[in-house]
């Protein structure tokens, strides 16, 4: 699986606490091994964000991505649930 990060994602990621960055790295490894793992709560979004998917990083932190090709994932952003879905 090939993973690409949007520059906006990289910018938001750099502003996360070290703890949250580490948690994302752990979840990313899990995602690469099994994207349907229940810990990720990987689900497709609806409405204005249709075509995008979300995975849980922590209780409130989410990472949004969209598949671009069969084996290529494009992570768009990472933020709190309330900031992403308000």
C-alpha atoms as a PDB file:
ATOM      1  CA  UNK A   1       0.000   0.000   0.000  1.00  0.00           C
ATOM      2  CA  UNK A   2       1.274   3.440  -0.942  1.00  0.00           C
ATOM      3  CA  UNK A   3       0.402   6.301   1.397  1.00  0.00           C
ATOM      4  CA  UNK A   4       0.590   9.966   0.397  1.00  0.00           C
ATOM      5  CA  UNK A   5       0.095  12.923   2.736  1.00  0.00           C
ATOM      6  CA  UNK A   6      -1.404  16.243   1.657  1.00  0.00           C
ATOM      7  CA  UNK A   7       0.737  19.209   2.695  1.00  0.00           C
ATOM      8  CA  UNK A   8      -2.188  20.436   4.837  1.00  0.00           C
ATOM      9  CA  UNK A   9      -2.101  17.105   6.647  1.00  0.00           C
ATOM     10  CA  UNK A  10       1.629  17.447   7.258  1.00  0.00           C
ATOM     11  CA  UNK A  11       1.150  20.946   8.635  1.00  0.00           C
ATOM     12  CA  UNK A  12      -1.594  19.886  11.055  1.00  0.00           C
ATOM     13  CA  UNK A  13       0.351  16.767  12.024  1.00  0.00           C
ATOM     14  CA  UNK A  14       3.391  18.877  12.950  1.00  0.00           C
ATOM     15  CA  UNK A  15       1.220  20.879  15.370  1.00  0.00           C
ATOM     16  CA  UNK A  16      -0.003  17.780  17.221  1.00  0.00           C
ATOM     17  CA  UNK A  17       1.456  16.810  20.565  1.00  0.00           C
ATOM     18  CA  UNK A  18       4.192  14.168  20.493  1.00  0.00           C
ATOM     19  CA  UNK A  19       1.742  11.767  22.109  1.00  0.00           C
ATOM     20  CA  UNK A  20      -0.837  12.265  19.354  1.00  0.00           C
ATOM     21  CA  UNK A  21       1.828  12.000  16.642  1.00  0.00           C
ATOM     22  CA  UNK A  22       2.980   8.701  18.112  1.00  0.00           C
ATOM     23  CA  UNK A  23      -0.612   7.477  18.338  1.00  0.00           C
ATOM     24  CA  UNK A  24      -1.177   8.326  14.666  1.00  0.00           C
ATOM     25  CA  UNK A  25       1.967   6.421  13.675  1.00  0.00           C
ATOM     26  CA  UNK A  26       0.691   3.380  15.592  1.00  0.00           C
ATOM     27  CA  UNK A  27      -2.725   3.624  13.936  1.00  0.00           C
ATOM     28  CA  UNK A  28      -1.110   4.056  10.522  1.00  0.00           C
ATOM     29  CA  UNK A  29       0.824   0.806  10.980  1.00  0.00           C
ATOM     30  CA  UNK A  30      -2.385  -0.903  12.023  1.00  0.00           C
ATOM     31  CA  UNK A  31      -4.174   0.611   9.002  1.00  0.00           C
ATOM     32  CA  UNK A  32      -1.495  -0.738   6.658  1.00  0.00           C
ATOM     33  CA  UNK A  33      -1.836  -4.248   8.124  1.00  0.00           C
ATOM     34  CA  UNK A  34      -5.630  -4.313   8.432  1.00  0.00           C
ATOM     35  CA  UNK A  35      -7.656  -1.283   7.389  1.00  0.00           C
ATOM     36  CA  UNK A  36     -10.814  -2.913   8.752  1.00  0.00           C
ATOM     37  CA  UNK A  37      -9.480  -3.346  12.287  1.00  0.00           C
ATOM     38  CA  UNK A  38     -12.239  -2.338  14.751  1.00  0.00           C
ATOM     39  CA  UNK A  39      -9.842  -0.041  16.655  1.00  0.00           C
ATOM     40  CA  UNK A  40      -9.712   2.237  13.614  1.00  0.00           C
ATOM     41  CA  UNK A  41     -13.472   2.547  13.220  1.00  0.00           C
ATOM     42  CA  UNK A  42     -12.730   3.047   9.514  1.00  0.00           C
ATOM     43  CA  UNK A  43     -15.856   4.364   7.829  1.00  0.00           C
ATOM     44  CA  UNK A  44     -16.979   6.234   4.749  1.00  0.00           C
ATOM     45  CA  UNK A  45     -18.273   9.766   5.223  1.00  0.00           C
ATOM     46  CA  UNK A  46     -21.527  11.185   3.902  1.00  0.00           C
ATOM     47  CA  UNK A  47     -22.827  14.578   2.869  1.00  0.00           C
ATOM     48  CA  UNK A  48     -20.294  17.221   1.876  1.00  0.00           C
ATOM     49  CA  UNK A  49     -17.433  14.820   2.578  1.00  0.00           C
ATOM     50  CA  UNK A  50     -18.787  11.973   0.470  1.00  0.00           C
ATOM     51  CA  UNK A  51     -15.993   9.923  -1.068  1.00  0.00           C
ATOM     52  CA  UNK A  52     -13.747  10.400   1.953  1.00  0.00           C
ATOM     53  CA  UNK A  53     -13.081   8.000   4.795  1.00  0.00           C
ATOM     54  CA  UNK A  54     -12.220   8.548   8.450  1.00  0.00           C
ATOM     55  CA  UNK A  55     -10.179   6.571  10.953  1.00  0.00           C
ATOM     56  CA  UNK A  56      -9.988   7.112  14.692  1.00  0.00           C
ATOM     57  CA  UNK A  57      -6.587   8.072  16.034  1.00  0.00           C
ATOM     58  CA  UNK A  58      -7.604   8.835  19.627  1.00  0.00           C
ATOM     59  CA  UNK A  59     -10.984   9.297  21.263  1.00  0.00           C
ATOM     60  CA  UNK A  60     -11.440  12.683  19.582  1.00  0.00           C
ATOM     61  CA  UNK A  61      -8.718  12.831  16.908  1.00  0.00           C
ATOM     62  CA  UNK A  62      -9.599  11.699  13.383  1.00  0.00           C
ATOM     63  CA  UNK A  63      -7.619  11.325  10.163  1.00  0.00           C
ATOM     64  CA  UNK A  64      -9.441  11.780   6.848  1.00  0.00           C
ATOM     65  CA  UNK A  65      -8.306  10.090   3.663  1.00  0.00           C
ATOM     66  CA  UNK A  66      -9.497   9.081   0.252  1.00  0.00           C
ATOM     67  CA  UNK A  67      -8.416   6.178  -1.902  1.00  0.00           C
ATOM     68  CA  UNK A  68      -6.906   7.387  -5.178  1.00  0.00           C
ATOM     69  CA  UNK A  69      -6.031   4.072  -6.787  1.00  0.00           C
ATOM     70  CA  UNK A  70      -6.404   0.458  -5.793  1.00  0.00           C
ATOM     71  CA  UNK A  71      -3.341   0.506  -3.532  1.00  0.00           C
ATOM     72  CA  UNK A  72      -2.855   4.257  -2.967  1.00  0.00           C
ATOM     73  CA  UNK A  73      -4.274   6.203  -0.029  1.00  0.00           C
ATOM     74  CA  UNK A  74      -4.196  10.014   0.182  1.00  0.00           C
ATOM     75  CA  UNK A  75      -4.444  11.380   3.736  1.00  0.00           C
ATOM     76  CA  UNK A  76      -6.099  14.792   3.542  1.00  0.00           C
ATOM     77  CA  UNK A  77      -6.228  16.114   7.091  1.00  0.00           C
ATOM     78  CA  UNK A  78      -6.073  15.248  10.759  1.00  0.00           C
ATOM     79  CA  UNK A  79      -8.063  17.097  13.412  1.00  0.00           C
ATOM     80  CA  UNK A  80     -10.568  16.768  16.222  1.00  0.00           C
ATOM     81  CA  UNK A  81     -14.010  15.373  15.533  1.00  0.00           C
ATOM     82  CA  UNK A  82     -15.706  18.711  16.206  1.00  0.00           C
ATOM     83  CA  UNK A  83     -13.389  20.651  13.863  1.00  0.00           C
ATOM     84  CA  UNK A  84     -13.825  18.177  11.030  1.00  0.00           C
ATOM     85  CA  UNK A  85     -17.563  17.688  11.139  1.00  0.00           C
ATOM     86  CA  UNK A  86     -18.974  21.051  12.189  1.00  0.00           C
END
